[in-house]
mmCIF file of all heavy atoms, coordinates in Angstrom:
data_MODEL
# 
_entry.id   MODEL 
# 
loop_
_atom_site.group_PDB 
_atom_site.id 
_atom_site.type_symbol 
_atom_site.label_atom_id 
_atom_site.label_alt_id 
_atom_site.label_comp_id 
_atom_site.label_asym_id 
_atom_site.label_entity_id 
_atom_site.label_seq_id 
_atom_site.pdbx_PDB_ins_code 
_atom_site.Cartn_x 
_atom_site.Cartn_y 
_atom_site.Cartn_z 
_atom_site.occupancy 
_atom_site.B_iso_or_equiv 
_atom_site.pdbx_formal_charge 
_atom_site.auth_seq_id 
_atom_site.auth_comp_id 
_atom_site.auth_asym_id 
_atom_site.auth_atom_id 
_atom_site.pdbx_PDB_model_num 
ATOM 1   N N   . ALA A 1 1  ? 2.249   -1.056 -3.503 1.00 0.00 ? 1  ALA A N   1 
ATOM 2   C CA  . ALA A 1 1  ? 1.098   -0.775 -4.365 1.00 0.00 ? 1  ALA A CA  1 
ATOM 3   C C   . ALA A 1 1  ? 0.053   -1.866 -4.153 1.00 0.00 ? 1  ALA A C   1 
ATOM 4   O O   . ALA A 1 1  ? 0.355   -3.059 -3.984 1.00 0.00 ? 1  ALA A O   1 
ATOM 5   C CB  . ALA A 1 1  ? 1.489   -0.743 -5.799 1.00 0.00 ? 1  ALA A CB  1 
ATOM 6   N N   . GLY A 1 2  ? -1.203  -1.443 -4.159 1.00 0.00 ? 2  GLY A N   1 
ATOM 7   C CA  . GLY A 1 2  ? -2.303  -2.403 -3.990 1.00 0.00 ? 2  GLY A CA  1 
ATOM 8   C C   . GLY A 1 2  ? -3.528  -1.892 -4.777 1.00 0.00 ? 2  GLY A C   1 
ATOM 9   O O   . GLY A 1 2  ? -3.544  -0.761 -5.219 1.00 0.00 ? 2  GLY A O   1 
ATOM 10  N N   . GLY A 1 3  ? -4.488  -2.777 -4.942 1.00 0.00 ? 3  GLY A N   1 
ATOM 11  C CA  . GLY A 1 3  ? -5.688  -2.324 -5.623 1.00 0.00 ? 3  GLY A CA  1 
ATOM 12  C C   . GLY A 1 3  ? -6.681  -3.443 -5.829 1.00 0.00 ? 3  GLY A C   1 
ATOM 13  O O   . GLY A 1 3  ? -6.453  -4.588 -5.426 1.00 0.00 ? 3  GLY A O   1 
ATOM 14  N N   . PRO A 1 4  ? -7.818  -3.131 -6.440 1.00 0.00 ? 4  PRO A N   1 
ATOM 15  C CA  . PRO A 1 4  ? -8.164  -1.794 -6.970 1.00 0.00 ? 4  PRO A CA  1 
ATOM 16  C C   . PRO A 1 4  ? -8.663  -0.881 -5.870 1.00 0.00 ? 4  PRO A C   1 
ATOM 17  O O   . PRO A 1 4  ? -9.079  -1.328 -4.812 1.00 0.00 ? 4  PRO A O   1 
ATOM 18  C CB  . PRO A 1 4  ? -9.297  -2.126 -7.978 1.00 0.00 ? 4  PRO A CB  1 
ATOM 19  C CG  . PRO A 1 4  ? -9.929  -3.309 -7.390 1.00 0.00 ? 4  PRO A CG  1 
ATOM 20  C CD  . PRO A 1 4  ? -8.824  -4.124 -6.727 1.00 0.00 ? 4  PRO A CD  1 
ATOM 21  N N   . TYR A 1 5  ? -8.622  0.404  -6.169 1.00 0.00 ? 5  TYR A N   1 
ATOM 22  C CA  . TYR A 1 5  ? -9.163  1.409  -5.276 1.00 0.00 ? 5  TYR A CA  1 
ATOM 23  C C   . TYR A 1 5  ? -10.479 1.951  -5.812 1.00 0.00 ? 5  TYR A C   1 
ATOM 24  O O   . TYR A 1 5  ? -10.568 2.252  -7.008 1.00 0.00 ? 5  TYR A O   1 
ATOM 25  C CB  . TYR A 1 5  ? -8.175  2.602  -5.123 1.00 0.00 ? 5  TYR A CB  1 
ATOM 26  C CG  . TYR A 1 5  ? -8.741  3.801  -4.385 1.00 0.00 ? 5  TYR A CG  1 
ATOM 27  C CD1 . TYR A 1 5  ? -8.909  3.746  -2.991 1.00 0.00 ? 5  TYR A CD1 1 
ATOM 28  C CD2 . TYR A 1 5  ? -9.198  4.902  -5.101 1.00 0.00 ? 5  TYR A CD2 1 
ATOM 29  C CE1 . TYR A 1 5  ? -9.453  4.811  -2.324 1.00 0.00 ? 5  TYR A CE1 1 
ATOM 30  C CE2 . TYR A 1 5  ? -9.735  5.955  -4.396 1.00 0.00 ? 5  TYR A CE2 1 
ATOM 31  C CZ  . TYR A 1 5  ? -9.893  5.896  -3.023 1.00 0.00 ? 5  TYR A CZ  1 
ATOM 32  O OH  . TYR A 1 5  ? -10.449 6.958  -2.340 1.00 0.00 ? 5  TYR A OH  1 
ATOM 33  N N   . TRP A 1 6  ? -11.447 2.065  -4.921 1.00 0.00 ? 6  TRP A N   1 
ATOM 34  C CA  . TRP A 1 6  ? -12.753 2.574  -5.311 1.00 0.00 ? 6  TRP A CA  1 
ATOM 35  C C   . TRP A 1 6  ? -12.931 3.933  -4.686 1.00 0.00 ? 6  TRP A C   1 
ATOM 36  O O   . TRP A 1 6  ? -12.818 4.104  -3.444 1.00 0.00 ? 6  TRP A O   1 
ATOM 37  C CB  . TRP A 1 6  ? -13.874 1.633  -4.891 1.00 0.00 ? 6  TRP A CB  1 
ATOM 38  C CG  . TRP A 1 6  ? -13.659 0.285  -5.445 1.00 0.00 ? 6  TRP A CG  1 
ATOM 39  C CD1 . TRP A 1 6  ? -13.214 -0.843 -4.747 1.00 0.00 ? 6  TRP A CD1 1 
ATOM 40  C CD2 . TRP A 1 6  ? -13.879 -0.181 -6.774 1.00 0.00 ? 6  TRP A CD2 1 
ATOM 41  N NE1 . TRP A 1 6  ? -13.123 -1.900 -5.583 1.00 0.00 ? 6  TRP A NE1 1 
ATOM 42  C CE2 . TRP A 1 6  ? -13.496 -1.543 -6.820 1.00 0.00 ? 6  TRP A CE2 1 
ATOM 43  C CE3 . TRP A 1 6  ? -14.272 0.467  -7.952 1.00 0.00 ? 6  TRP A CE3 1 
ATOM 44  C CZ2 . TRP A 1 6  ? -13.589 -2.286 -8.007 1.00 0.00 ? 6  TRP A CZ2 1 
ATOM 45  C CZ3 . TRP A 1 6  ? -14.338 -0.283 -9.105 1.00 0.00 ? 6  TRP A CZ3 1 
ATOM 46  C CH2 . TRP A 1 6  ? -14.010 -1.636 -9.156 1.00 0.00 ? 6  TRP A CH2 1 
ATOM 47  N N   . SER A 1 7  ? -13.238 4.926  -5.514 1.00 0.00 ? 7  SER A N   1 
ATOM 48  C CA  . SER A 1 7  ? -13.336 6.307  -5.024 1.00 0.00 ? 7  SER A CA  1 
ATOM 49  C C   . SER A 1 7  ? -14.365 6.396  -3.893 1.00 0.00 ? 7  SER A C   1 
ATOM 50  O O   . SER A 1 7  ? -15.413 5.804  -3.931 1.00 0.00 ? 7  SER A O   1 
ATOM 51  C CB  . SER A 1 7  ? -13.778 7.197  -6.188 1.00 0.00 ? 7  SER A CB  1 
ATOM 52  O OG  . SER A 1 7  ? -13.844 8.543  -5.768 1.00 0.00 ? 7  SER A OG  1 
ATOM 53  N N   . GLY A 1 8  ? -13.996 7.159  -2.861 1.00 0.00 ? 8  GLY A N   1 
ATOM 54  C CA  . GLY A 1 8  ? -14.859 7.322  -1.713 1.00 0.00 ? 8  GLY A CA  1 
ATOM 55  C C   . GLY A 1 8  ? -14.578 6.346  -0.607 1.00 0.00 ? 8  GLY A C   1 
ATOM 56  O O   . GLY A 1 8  ? -15.149 6.539  0.506  1.00 0.00 ? 8  GLY A O   1 
ATOM 57  N N   . THR A 1 9  ? -13.766 5.338  -0.846 1.00 0.00 ? 9  THR A N   1 
ATOM 58  C CA  . THR A 1 9  ? -13.469 4.371  0.241  1.00 0.00 ? 9  THR A CA  1 
ATOM 59  C C   . THR A 1 9  ? -12.254 4.859  1.012  1.00 0.00 ? 9  THR A C   1 
ATOM 60  O O   . THR A 1 9  ? -11.457 5.678  0.529  1.00 0.00 ? 9  THR A O   1 
ATOM 61  C CB  . THR A 1 9  ? -13.215 2.970  -0.318 1.00 0.00 ? 9  THR A CB  1 
ATOM 62  O OG1 . THR A 1 9  ? -12.103 3.032  -1.224 1.00 0.00 ? 9  THR A OG1 1 
ATOM 63  C CG2 . THR A 1 9  ? -14.440 2.472  -1.069 1.00 0.00 ? 9  THR A CG2 1 
ATOM 64  N N   . VAL A 1 10 ? -12.053 4.311  2.216  1.00 0.00 ? 10 VAL A N   1 
ATOM 65  C CA  . VAL A 1 10 ? -10.930 4.706  3.049  1.00 0.00 ? 10 VAL A CA  1 
ATOM 66  C C   . VAL A 1 10 ? -9.700  3.870  2.638  1.00 0.00 ? 10 VAL A C   1 
ATOM 67  O O   . VAL A 1 10 ? -9.842  2.623  2.507  1.00 0.00 ? 10 VAL A O   1 
ATOM 68  C CB  . VAL A 1 10 ? -11.284 4.466  4.545  1.00 0.00 ? 10 VAL A CB  1 
ATOM 69  C CG1 . VAL A 1 10 ? -10.044 4.741  5.422  1.00 0.00 ? 10 VAL A CG1 1 
ATOM 70  C CG2 . VAL A 1 10 ? -12.426 5.319  4.942  1.00 0.00 ? 10 VAL A CG2 1 
ATOM 71  N N   . LEU A 1 11 ? -8.590  4.510  2.425  1.00 0.00 ? 11 LEU A N   1 
ATOM 72  C CA  . LEU A 1 11 ? -7.366  3.779  2.051  1.00 0.00 ? 11 LEU A CA  1 
ATOM 73  C C   . LEU A 1 11 ? -6.954  2.871  3.178  1.00 0.00 ? 11 LEU A C   1 
ATOM 74  O O   . LEU A 1 11 ? -6.958  3.246  4.366  1.00 0.00 ? 11 LEU A O   1 
ATOM 75  C CB  . LEU A 1 11 ? -6.284  4.792  1.723  1.00 0.00 ? 11 LEU A CB  1 
ATOM 76  C CG  . LEU A 1 11 ? -6.478  5.579  0.418  1.00 0.00 ? 11 LEU A CG  1 
ATOM 77  C CD1 . LEU A 1 11 ? -5.651  6.816  0.394  1.00 0.00 ? 11 LEU A CD1 1 
ATOM 78  C CD2 . LEU A 1 11 ? -6.185  4.674  -0.776 1.00 0.00 ? 11 LEU A CD2 1 
ATOM 79  N N   . THR A 1 12 ? -6.544  1.681  2.791  1.00 0.00 ? 12 THR A N   1 
ATOM 80  C CA  . THR A 1 12 ? -6.146  0.699  3.809  1.00 0.00 ? 12 THR A CA  1 
ATOM 81  C C   . THR A 1 12 ? -4.815  0.972  4.379  1.00 0.00 ? 12 THR A C   1 
ATOM 82  O O   . THR A 1 12 ? -3.874  1.459  3.711  1.00 0.00 ? 12 THR A O   1 
ATOM 83  C CB  . THR A 1 12 ? -6.189  -0.746 3.199  1.00 0.00 ? 12 THR A CB  1 
ATOM 84  O OG1 . THR A 1 12 ? -5.827  -1.656 4.228  1.00 0.00 ? 12 THR A OG1 1 
ATOM 85  C CG2 . THR A 1 12 ? -5.192  -0.867 2.039  1.00 0.00 ? 12 THR A CG2 1 
ATOM 86  N N   . LEU A 1 13 ? -4.588  0.635  5.653  1.00 0.00 ? 13 LEU A N   1 
ATOM 87  C CA  . LEU A 1 13 ? -3.288  0.764  6.266  1.00 0.00 ? 13 LEU A CA  1 
ATOM 88  C C   . LEU A 1 13 ? -2.665  -0.641 6.561  1.00 0.00 ? 13 LEU A C   1 
ATOM 89  O O   . LEU A 1 13 ? -1.613  -0.695 7.179  1.00 0.00 ? 13 LEU A O   1 
ATOM 90  C CB  . LEU A 1 13 ? -3.377  1.571  7.532  1.00 0.00 ? 13 LEU A CB  1 
ATOM 91  C CG  . LEU A 1 13 ? -4.446  1.287  8.580  1.00 0.00 ? 13 LEU A CG  1 
ATOM 92  C CD1 . LEU A 1 13 ? -4.150  -0.005 9.318  1.00 0.00 ? 13 LEU A CD1 1 
ATOM 93  C CD2 . LEU A 1 13 ? -4.551  2.431  9.573  1.00 0.00 ? 13 LEU A CD2 1 
ATOM 94  N N   . SER A 1 14 ? -3.361  -1.681 6.124  1.00 0.00 ? 14 SER A N   1 
ATOM 95  C CA  . SER A 1 14 ? -2.852  -3.032 6.396  1.00 0.00 ? 14 SER A CA  1 
ATOM 96  C C   . SER A 1 14 ? -1.842  -3.428 5.280  1.00 0.00 ? 14 SER A C   1 
ATOM 97  O O   . SER A 1 14 ? -2.167  -3.438 4.079  1.00 0.00 ? 14 SER A O   1 
ATOM 98  C CB  . SER A 1 14 ? -3.996  -4.043 6.367  1.00 0.00 ? 14 SER A CB  1 
ATOM 99  O OG  . SER A 1 14 ? -3.447  -5.369 6.316  1.00 0.00 ? 14 SER A OG  1 
ATOM 100 N N   . PRO A 1 15 ? -0.617  -3.801 5.648  1.00 0.00 ? 15 PRO A N   1 
ATOM 101 C CA  . PRO A 1 15 ? 0.374   -4.233 4.702  1.00 0.00 ? 15 PRO A CA  1 
ATOM 102 C C   . PRO A 1 15 ? -0.109  -5.471 3.868  1.00 0.00 ? 15 PRO A C   1 
ATOM 103 O O   . PRO A 1 15 ? 0.369   -5.707 2.758  1.00 0.00 ? 15 PRO A O   1 
ATOM 104 C CB  . PRO A 1 15 ? 1.624   -4.565 5.489  1.00 0.00 ? 15 PRO A CB  1 
ATOM 105 C CG  . PRO A 1 15 ? 1.151   -4.790 6.885  1.00 0.00 ? 15 PRO A CG  1 
ATOM 106 C CD  . PRO A 1 15 ? -0.077  -3.920 7.063  1.00 0.00 ? 15 PRO A CD  1 
ATOM 107 N N   . HIS A 1 16 ? -1.033  -6.244 4.445  1.00 0.00 ? 16 HIS A N   1 
ATOM 108 C CA  . HIS A 1 16 ? -1.497  -7.468 3.796  1.00 0.00 ? 16 HIS A CA  1 
ATOM 109 C C   . HIS A 1 16 ? -2.351  -7.121 2.556  1.00 0.00 ? 16 HIS A C   1 
ATOM 110 O O   . HIS A 1 16 ? -2.633  -8.006 1.732  1.00 0.00 ? 16 HIS A O   1 
ATOM 111 C CB  . HIS A 1 16 ? -2.291  -8.281 4.739  1.00 0.00 ? 16 HIS A CB  1 
ATOM 112 C CG  . HIS A 1 16 ? -1.541  -8.671 5.970  1.00 0.00 ? 16 HIS A CG  1 
ATOM 113 N ND1 . HIS A 1 16 ? -0.410  -9.538 5.880  1.00 0.00 ? 16 HIS A ND1 1 
ATOM 114 C CD2 . HIS A 1 16 ? -1.628  -8.325 7.263  1.00 0.00 ? 16 HIS A CD2 1 
ATOM 115 C CE1 . HIS A 1 16 ? 0.061   -9.692 7.095  1.00 0.00 ? 16 HIS A CE1 1 
ATOM 116 N NE2 . HIS A 1 16 ? -0.630  -8.957 7.962  1.00 0.00 ? 16 HIS A NE2 1 
ATOM 117 N N   . GLU A 1 17 ? -2.836  -5.873 2.419  1.00 0.00 ? 17 GLU A N   1 
ATOM 118 C CA  . GLU A 1 17 ? -3.630  -5.511 1.305  1.00 0.00 ? 17 GLU A CA  1 
ATOM 119 C C   . GLU A 1 17 ? -2.868  -4.766 0.225  1.00 0.00 ? 17 GLU A C   1 
ATOM 120 O O   . GLU A 1 17 ? -3.444  -4.079 -0.617 1.00 0.00 ? 17 GLU A O   1 
ATOM 121 C CB  . GLU A 1 17 ? -4.838  -4.665 1.780  1.00 0.00 ? 17 GLU A CB  1 
ATOM 122 C CG  . GLU A 1 17 ? -5.720  -5.492 2.724  1.00 0.00 ? 17 GLU A CG  1 
ATOM 123 C CD  . GLU A 1 17 ? -7.038  -4.769 3.057  1.00 0.00 ? 17 GLU A CD  1 
ATOM 124 O OE1 . GLU A 1 17 ? -7.653  -4.220 2.141  1.00 0.00 ? 17 GLU A OE1 1 
ATOM 125 O OE2 . GLU A 1 17 ? -7.347  -4.739 4.248  1.00 0.00 ? 17 GLU A OE2 1 
ATOM 126 N N   . TYR A 1 18 ? -1.547  -4.847 0.295  1.00 0.00 ? 18 TYR A N   1 
ATOM 127 C CA  . TYR A 1 18 ? -0.652  -4.298 -0.731 1.00 0.00 ? 18 TYR A CA  1 
ATOM 128 C C   . TYR A 1 18 ? -0.003  -5.493 -1.445 1.00 0.00 ? 18 TYR A C   1 
ATOM 129 O O   . TYR A 1 18 ? 0.531   -6.383 -0.797 1.00 0.00 ? 18 TYR A O   1 
ATOM 130 C CB  . TYR A 1 18 ? 0.374   -3.381 -0.143 1.00 0.00 ? 18 TYR A CB  1 
ATOM 131 C CG  . TYR A 1 18 ? -0.232  -2.050 0.305  1.00 0.00 ? 18 TYR A CG  1 
ATOM 132 C CD1 . TYR A 1 18 ? -0.953  -2.006 1.496  1.00 0.00 ? 18 TYR A CD1 1 
ATOM 133 C CD2 . TYR A 1 18 ? -0.161  -0.912 -0.453 1.00 0.00 ? 18 TYR A CD2 1 
ATOM 134 C CE1 . TYR A 1 18 ? -1.523  -0.807 1.921  1.00 0.00 ? 18 TYR A CE1 1 
ATOM 135 C CE2 . TYR A 1 18 ? -0.723  0.286  -0.046 1.00 0.00 ? 18 TYR A CE2 1 
ATOM 136 C CZ  . TYR A 1 18 ? -1.406  0.306  1.133  1.00 0.00 ? 18 TYR A CZ  1 
ATOM 137 O OH  . TYR A 1 18 ? -1.978  1.496  1.577  1.00 0.00 ? 18 TYR A OH  1 
ATOM 138 N N   . ASP A 1 19 ? 0.014   -5.460 -2.780 1.00 0.00 ? 19 ASP A N   1 
ATOM 139 C CA  . ASP A 1 19 ? 0.417   -6.594 -3.548 1.00 0.00 ? 19 ASP A CA  1 
ATOM 140 C C   . ASP A 1 19 ? 1.932   -6.517 -3.979 1.00 0.00 ? 19 ASP A C   1 
ATOM 141 O O   . ASP A 1 19 ? 2.538   -7.568 -4.223 1.00 0.00 ? 19 ASP A O   1 
ATOM 142 C CB  . ASP A 1 19 ? -0.408  -6.736 -4.816 1.00 0.00 ? 19 ASP A CB  1 
ATOM 143 C CG  . ASP A 1 19 ? -1.888  -6.850 -4.532 1.00 0.00 ? 19 ASP A CG  1 
ATOM 144 O OD1 . ASP A 1 19 ? -2.247  -7.660 -3.656 1.00 0.00 ? 19 ASP A OD1 1 
ATOM 145 O OD2 . ASP A 1 19 ? -2.667  -6.090 -5.084 1.00 0.00 ? 19 ASP A OD2 1 
ATOM 146 N N   . TYR A 1 20 ? 2.385   -5.313 -4.142 1.00 0.00 ? 20 TYR A N   1 
ATOM 147 C CA  . TYR A 1 20 ? 3.754   -5.159 -4.655 1.00 0.00 ? 20 TYR A CA  1 
ATOM 148 C C   . TYR A 1 20 ? 4.550   -4.264 -3.698 1.00 0.00 ? 20 TYR A C   1 
ATOM 149 O O   . TYR A 1 20 ? 4.022   -3.304 -3.129 1.00 0.00 ? 20 TYR A O   1 
ATOM 150 C CB  . TYR A 1 20 ? 3.704   -4.468 -6.049 1.00 0.00 ? 20 TYR A CB  1 
ATOM 151 C CG  . TYR A 1 20 ? 2.866   -5.240 -7.053 1.00 0.00 ? 20 TYR A CG  1 
ATOM 152 C CD1 . TYR A 1 20 ? 1.581   -4.785 -7.368 1.00 0.00 ? 20 TYR A CD1 1 
ATOM 153 C CD2 . TYR A 1 20 ? 3.299   -6.380 -7.618 1.00 0.00 ? 20 TYR A CD2 1 
ATOM 154 C CE1 . TYR A 1 20 ? 0.781   -5.421 -8.277 1.00 0.00 ? 20 TYR A CE1 1 
ATOM 155 C CE2 . TYR A 1 20 ? 2.490   -7.099 -8.531 1.00 0.00 ? 20 TYR A CE2 1 
ATOM 156 C CZ  . TYR A 1 20 ? 1.245   -6.642 -8.832 1.00 0.00 ? 20 TYR A CZ  1 
ATOM 157 O OH  . TYR A 1 20 ? 0.487   -7.313 -9.710 1.00 0.00 ? 20 TYR A OH  1 
ATOM 158 N N   . TRP A 1 21 ? 5.824   -4.587 -3.568 1.00 0.00 ? 21 TRP A N   1 
ATOM 159 C CA  . TRP A 1 21 ? 6.684   -3.872 -2.645 1.00 0.00 ? 21 TRP A CA  1 
ATOM 160 C C   . TRP A 1 21 ? 8.049   -3.519 -3.275 1.00 0.00 ? 21 TRP A C   1 
ATOM 161 O O   . TRP A 1 21 ? 8.556   -4.302 -4.139 1.00 0.00 ? 21 TRP A O   1 
ATOM 162 C CB  . TRP A 1 21 ? 6.990   -4.731 -1.420 1.00 0.00 ? 21 TRP A CB  1 
ATOM 163 C CG  . TRP A 1 21 ? 5.757   -4.949 -0.580 1.00 0.00 ? 21 TRP A CG  1 
ATOM 164 C CD1 . TRP A 1 21 ? 4.776   -5.887 -0.761 1.00 0.00 ? 21 TRP A CD1 1 
ATOM 165 C CD2 . TRP A 1 21 ? 5.360   -4.174 0.570  1.00 0.00 ? 21 TRP A CD2 1 
ATOM 166 N NE1 . TRP A 1 21 ? 3.768   -5.752 0.209  1.00 0.00 ? 21 TRP A NE1 1 
ATOM 167 C CE2 . TRP A 1 21 ? 4.118   -4.720 1.054  1.00 0.00 ? 21 TRP A CE2 1 
ATOM 168 C CE3 . TRP A 1 21 ? 5.924   -3.093 1.256  1.00 0.00 ? 21 TRP A CE3 1 
ATOM 169 C CZ2 . TRP A 1 21 ? 3.485   -4.202 2.148  1.00 0.00 ? 21 TRP A CZ2 1 
ATOM 170 C CZ3 . TRP A 1 21 ? 5.284   -2.594 2.368  1.00 0.00 ? 21 TRP A CZ3 1 
ATOM 171 C CH2 . TRP A 1 21 ? 4.042   -3.154 2.811  1.00 0.00 ? 21 TRP A CH2 1 
ATOM 172 N N   . GLY A 1 22 ? 8.575   -2.393 -2.872 1.00 0.00 ? 22 GLY A N   1 
ATOM 173 C CA  . GLY A 1 22 ? 9.924   -2.041 -3.268 1.00 0.00 ? 22 GLY A CA  1 
ATOM 174 C C   . GLY A 1 22 ? 10.981  -2.675 -2.358 1.00 0.00 ? 22 GLY A C   1 
ATOM 175 O O   . GLY A 1 22 ? 10.569  -3.356 -1.399 1.00 0.00 ? 22 GLY A O   1 
ATOM 176 N N   . GLN A 1 23 ? 12.189  -2.378 -2.633 1.00 0.00 ? 23 GLN A N   1 
ATOM 177 C CA  . GLN A 1 23 ? 13.303  -3.000 -1.841 1.00 0.00 ? 23 GLN A CA  1 
ATOM 178 C C   . GLN A 1 23 ? 13.597  -2.228 -0.560 1.00 0.00 ? 23 GLN A C   1 
ATOM 179 O O   . GLN A 1 23 ? 14.278  -2.756 0.278  1.00 0.00 ? 23 GLN A O   1 
ATOM 180 C CB  . GLN A 1 23 ? 14.522  -3.090 -2.737 1.00 0.00 ? 23 GLN A CB  1 
ATOM 181 C CG  . GLN A 1 23 ? 15.394  -1.814 -2.785 1.00 0.00 ? 23 GLN A CG  1 
ATOM 182 C CD  . GLN A 1 23 ? 14.761  -0.745 -3.626 1.00 0.00 ? 23 GLN A CD  1 
ATOM 183 O OE1 . GLN A 1 23 ? 13.741  -0.930 -4.294 1.00 0.00 ? 23 GLN A OE1 1 
ATOM 184 N NE2 . GLN A 1 23 ? 15.355  0.501  -3.580 1.00 0.00 ? 23 GLN A NE2 1 
ATOM 185 N N   . GLY A 1 24 ? 13.106  -1.032 -0.453 1.00 0.00 ? 24 GLY A N   1 
ATOM 186 C CA  . GLY A 1 24 ? 13.310  -0.252 0.757  1.00 0.00 ? 24 GLY A CA  1 
ATOM 187 C C   . GLY A 1 24 ? 14.491  0.734  0.651  1.00 0.00 ? 24 GLY A C   1 
ATOM 188 O O   . GLY A 1 24 ? 15.408  0.509  -0.092 1.00 0.00 ? 24 GLY A O   1 
ATOM 189 N N   . THR A 1 25 ? 14.351  1.807  1.417  1.00 0.00 ? 25 THR A N   1 
ATOM 190 C CA  . THR A 1 25 ? 15.448  2.808  1.470  1.00 0.00 ? 25 THR A CA  1 
ATOM 191 C C   . THR A 1 25 ? 15.582  3.191  2.932  1.00 0.00 ? 25 THR A C   1 
ATOM 192 O O   . THR A 1 25 ? 14.614  3.458  3.642  1.00 0.00 ? 25 THR A O   1 
ATOM 193 C CB  . THR A 1 25 ? 15.161  4.015  0.525  1.00 0.00 ? 25 THR A CB  1 
ATOM 194 O OG1 . THR A 1 25 ? 16.281  4.911  0.560  1.00 0.00 ? 25 THR A OG1 1 
ATOM 195 C CG2 . THR A 1 25 ? 13.914  4.792  0.996  1.00 0.00 ? 25 THR A CG2 1 
ATOM 196 N N   . GLN A 1 26 ? 16.837  3.313  3.384  1.00 0.00 ? 26 GLN A N   1 
ATOM 197 C CA  . GLN A 1 26 ? 17.134  3.596  4.807  1.00 0.00 ? 26 GLN A CA  1 
ATOM 198 C C   . GLN A 1 26 ? 17.033  5.081  5.110  1.00 0.00 ? 26 GLN A C   1 
ATOM 199 O O   . GLN A 1 26 ? 17.609  5.884  4.362  1.00 0.00 ? 26 GLN A O   1 
ATOM 200 C CB  . GLN A 1 26 ? 18.529  3.108  5.166  1.00 0.00 ? 26 GLN A CB  1 
ATOM 201 C CG  . GLN A 1 26 ? 18.966  3.411  6.586  1.00 0.00 ? 26 GLN A CG  1 
ATOM 202 C CD  . GLN A 1 26 ? 18.216  2.593  7.606  1.00 0.00 ? 26 GLN A CD  1 
ATOM 203 O OE1 . GLN A 1 26 ? 18.069  1.393  7.507  1.00 0.00 ? 26 GLN A OE1 1 
ATOM 204 N NE2 . GLN A 1 26 ? 17.733  3.294  8.694  1.00 0.00 ? 26 GLN A NE2 1 
ATOM 205 N N   . VAL A 1 27 ? 16.312  5.423  6.147  1.00 0.00 ? 27 VAL A N   1 
ATOM 206 C CA  . VAL A 1 27 ? 16.267  6.786  6.658  1.00 0.00 ? 27 VAL A CA  1 
ATOM 207 C C   . VAL A 1 27 ? 16.784  6.758  8.091  1.00 0.00 ? 27 VAL A C   1 
ATOM 208 O O   . VAL A 1 27 ? 16.263  6.010  8.908  1.00 0.00 ? 27 VAL A O   1 
ATOM 209 C CB  . VAL A 1 27 ? 14.832  7.331  6.608  1.00 0.00 ? 27 VAL A CB  1 
ATOM 210 C CG1 . VAL A 1 27 ? 14.762  8.662  7.332  1.00 0.00 ? 27 VAL A CG1 1 
ATOM 211 C CG2 . VAL A 1 27 ? 14.375  7.473  5.190  1.00 0.00 ? 27 VAL A CG2 1 
ATOM 212 N N   . THR A 1 28 ? 17.819  7.546  8.333  1.00 0.00 ? 28 THR A N   1 
ATOM 213 C CA  . THR A 1 28 ? 18.385  7.637  9.654  1.00 0.00 ? 28 THR A CA  1 
ATOM 214 C C   . THR A 1 28 ? 18.354  9.070  10.150 1.00 0.00 ? 28 THR A C   1 
ATOM 215 O O   . THR A 1 28 ? 18.859  9.937  9.440  1.00 0.00 ? 28 THR A O   1 
ATOM 216 C CB  . THR A 1 28 ? 19.816  7.096  9.694  1.00 0.00 ? 28 THR A CB  1 
ATOM 217 O OG1 . THR A 1 28 ? 19.850  5.734  9.167  1.00 0.00 ? 28 THR A OG1 1 
ATOM 218 C CG2 . THR A 1 28 ? 20.427  7.111  11.087 1.00 0.00 ? 28 THR A CG2 1 
# 
C-alpha cells in the first residue's frame, strides 16, 4: 500500500513508492 493517490495520475510501479507490505504468499 502506498499513497496518497491523486485521481487522474498514473499508478506507480516502483516498490520504493509503497509504504506498507504484507508477508507474502507463495504461488507455484
